[in-house]
């Protein structure tokens, strides 16, 4: 069965020059969302200096993706879409542990489902980003996960809290 990754009921839109991507802490079952007001909740920050119309489509807890056994598939939090560009996004709020590896795995699963439902070559630019509010800047320790993601998907993986919309 085809998966609609652009469901209107999962979409939030902003033209703000800066806004946040939020995901309520566990055990909340609500999808991730855009916030333009309370930056204390922002796990990811979108800098949109040209005030482009940017959609955030919540995927986790909004778009149904199932494993062959019928159980919910692990998936990333959402997808930023502007003009003809896509950024798959995973939001984290962790100091240590395997957050990059877990995020990479969630992004890979989601991207593979997306690619099975859409012609990825129809988009101008596609990449993935893990935002961690407690570890905002990428460092070389993530190189193996970034390389693994490239090998698995052909896409670039960034691990910065800030996503810039050109």
Protein backbone atom coordinates (compact mmCIF):
# COMPACT_ATOMS: atom_id res chain seq x y z
CA UNK A 1 0.00 0.00 0.00
CA UNK A 2 1.29 3.47 -0.93
CA UNK A 3 2.29 5.85 1.85
CA UNK A 4 1.28 9.51 1.53
CA UNK A 5 4.14 11.51 3.05
CA UNK A 6 2.40 14.83 2.35
CA UNK A 7 -0.79 14.39 4.37
CA UNK A 8 -2.44 17.73 5.08
CA UNK A 9 -3.40 16.73 8.63
CA UNK A 10 0.31 16.22 9.45
CA UNK A 11 1.51 19.51 7.93
CA UNK A 12 2.54 22.77 9.61
CA UNK A 13 3.72 25.79 7.63
CA UNK A 14 5.83 28.80 8.56
CA UNK A 15 7.28 31.82 6.77
CA UNK A 16 8.98 33.13 9.93
CA UNK A 17 12.66 34.07 9.65
CA UNK A 18 13.35 31.69 12.55
CA UNK A 19 11.23 28.96 14.07
CA UNK A 20 11.66 25.84 16.11
CA UNK A 21 10.95 22.18 15.56
CA UNK A 22 9.51 20.57 18.67
CA UNK A 23 8.73 17.06 19.86
CA UNK A 24 7.13 16.72 23.27
CA UNK A 25 9.03 14.49 25.73
CA UNK A 26 8.09 10.87 26.34
CA UNK A 27 5.59 9.41 26.94
CA UNK A 28 3.78 11.97 24.74
CA UNK A 29 2.28 10.41 21.63
CA UNK A 30 1.74 13.65 19.72
CA UNK A 31 3.57 14.31 16.44
CA UNK A 32 6.43 16.80 16.16
CA UNK A 33 5.45 20.36 15.21
CA UNK A 34 6.59 23.90 14.40
CA UNK A 35 6.71 26.54 17.14
CA UNK A 36 7.37 30.23 16.45
CA UNK A 37 7.09 31.53 20.02
CA UNK A 38 8.61 29.46 22.85
CA UNK A 39 12.26 28.78 21.98
CA UNK A 40 12.71 26.83 25.23
CA UNK A 41 10.87 23.94 23.51
CA UNK A 42 12.90 24.02 20.29
CA UNK A 43 14.95 20.88 19.64
CA UNK A 44 15.85 22.06 16.14
CA UNK A 45 16.09 25.62 14.86
CA UNK A 46 15.20 26.59 11.31
CA UNK A 47 16.81 29.78 10.04
CA UNK A 48 14.72 31.07 7.15
CA UNK A 49 16.26 34.48 6.38
CA UNK A 50 14.33 34.86 3.11
CA UNK A 51 10.97 34.08 4.75
CA UNK A 52 10.22 31.26 2.33
CA UNK A 53 7.12 29.17 2.89
CA UNK A 54 8.42 26.06 4.66
CA UNK A 55 6.28 23.03 5.42
CA UNK A 56 7.04 20.62 8.23
CA UNK A 57 5.29 17.30 7.77
CA UNK A 58 5.18 15.28 10.99
CA UNK A 59 5.95 11.63 10.25
CA UNK A 60 6.36 9.86 13.60
CA UNK A 61 2.98 9.60 15.37
CA UNK A 62 1.19 10.96 12.28
CA UNK A 63 1.98 9.02 9.10
CA UNK A 64 1.38 5.31 9.38
CA UNK A 65 4.34 3.18 8.36
CA UNK A 66 4.10 -0.51 9.24
CA UNK A 67 6.54 -3.41 9.30
CA UNK A 68 5.54 -6.56 7.40
CA UNK A 69 4.28 -8.04 10.70
CA UNK A 70 1.85 -5.11 11.11
CA UNK A 71 3.72 -3.41 13.95
CA UNK A 72 4.70 0.27 13.72
CA UNK A 73 7.97 0.91 11.93
CA UNK A 74 10.61 3.08 13.54
CA UNK A 75 10.66 6.40 11.68
CA UNK A 76 12.04 9.92 11.87
CA UNK A 77 10.12 12.83 13.37
CA UNK A 78 9.40 14.77 10.22
CA UNK A 79 10.18 16.23 6.85
CA UNK A 80 10.88 19.86 5.95
CA UNK A 81 9.76 20.81 2.47
CA UNK A 82 10.31 24.11 0.67
CA UNK A 83 10.25 24.93 -3.02
CA UNK A 84 11.33 21.56 -4.46
CA UNK A 85 13.69 20.55 -1.62
CA UNK A 86 13.35 18.01 1.20
CA UNK A 87 15.09 17.64 4.55
CA UNK A 88 14.32 14.55 6.61
CA UNK A 89 14.56 15.50 10.29
CA UNK A 90 15.09 13.56 13.51
CA UNK A 91 14.81 15.49 16.78
CA UNK A 92 16.76 14.46 19.87
CA UNK A 93 17.19 15.80 23.37
CA UNK A 94 20.01 13.60 24.67
CA UNK A 95 23.38 14.37 26.17
CA UNK A 96 25.10 11.06 25.51
CA UNK A 97 24.57 7.55 24.28
CA UNK A 98 23.94 6.38 20.77
CA UNK A 99 21.67 9.24 19.67
CA UNK A 100 23.37 9.71 16.30
CA UNK A 101 23.27 5.99 15.50
CA UNK A 102 19.60 5.72 16.52
CA UNK A 103 18.72 8.87 14.55
CA UNK A 104 20.60 7.59 11.49
CA UNK A 105 18.68 4.32 11.65
CA UNK A 106 15.31 6.11 11.94
CA UNK A 107 16.17 8.42 9.04
CA UNK A 108 17.36 5.51 6.86
CA UNK A 109 14.14 3.54 7.43
CA UNK A 110 11.98 6.58 6.70
CA UNK A 111 13.93 7.58 3.59
CA UNK A 112 13.74 4.05 2.18
CA UNK A 113 9.95 4.04 2.60
CA UNK A 114 9.79 7.50 0.98
CA UNK A 115 11.94 6.38 -1.95
CA UNK A 116 9.61 3.38 -2.47
CA UNK A 117 6.66 5.77 -2.86
CA UNK A 118 8.16 8.78 -4.68
CA UNK A 119 10.68 9.49 -7.42
CA UNK A 120 13.49 10.98 -5.35
CA UNK A 121 15.03 12.41 -8.54
CA UNK A 122 12.01 14.68 -8.94
CA UNK A 123 13.35 16.82 -6.07
CA UNK A 124 16.18 19.34 -6.41
CA UNK A 125 17.94 18.72 -3.11
CA UNK A 126 17.35 16.01 -0.50
CA UNK A 127 19.30 15.43 2.70
CA UNK A 128 18.79 14.48 6.34
CA UNK A 129 19.46 16.26 9.61
CA UNK A 130 19.59 15.10 13.22
CA UNK A 131 18.97 18.01 15.61
CA UNK A 132 19.94 17.56 19.24
CA UNK A 133 19.19 20.46 21.57
CA UNK A 134 21.76 19.19 24.09
CA UNK A 135 24.50 18.57 21.51
CA UNK A 136 23.99 21.43 19.03
CA UNK A 137 27.21 21.21 17.01
CA UNK A 138 28.43 18.24 14.98
CA UNK A 139 31.89 16.84 15.67
CA UNK A 140 34.18 14.29 14.10
CA UNK A 141 32.90 11.49 16.36
CA UNK A 142 29.86 11.27 14.09
CA UNK A 143 31.87 10.57 10.93
CA UNK A 144 31.21 6.82 10.84
CA UNK A 145 27.43 7.30 11.18
CA UNK A 146 27.46 10.03 8.53
CA UNK A 147 29.41 7.76 6.16
CA UNK A 148 27.12 4.80 6.91
CA UNK A 149 24.06 6.93 6.10
CA UNK A 150 25.65 8.01 2.80
CA UNK A 151 26.39 4.36 1.97
CA UNK A 152 22.84 3.26 2.85
CA UNK A 153 20.88 6.08 1.20
CA UNK A 154 23.16 8.12 -1.05
CA UNK A 155 22.21 11.20 1.01
CA UNK A 156 24.14 13.64 3.15
CA UNK A 157 23.48 13.46 6.90
CA UNK A 158 24.03 16.57 9.01
CA UNK A 159 24.08 16.57 12.80
CA UNK A 160 23.60 20.26 13.53
CA UNK A 161 20.79 21.76 15.59
CA UNK A 162 20.40 24.63 13.11
CA UNK A 163 18.92 24.03 9.66
CA UNK A 164 19.43 26.88 7.21
CA UNK A 165 16.92 27.49 4.44
CA UNK A 166 18.81 29.32 1.66
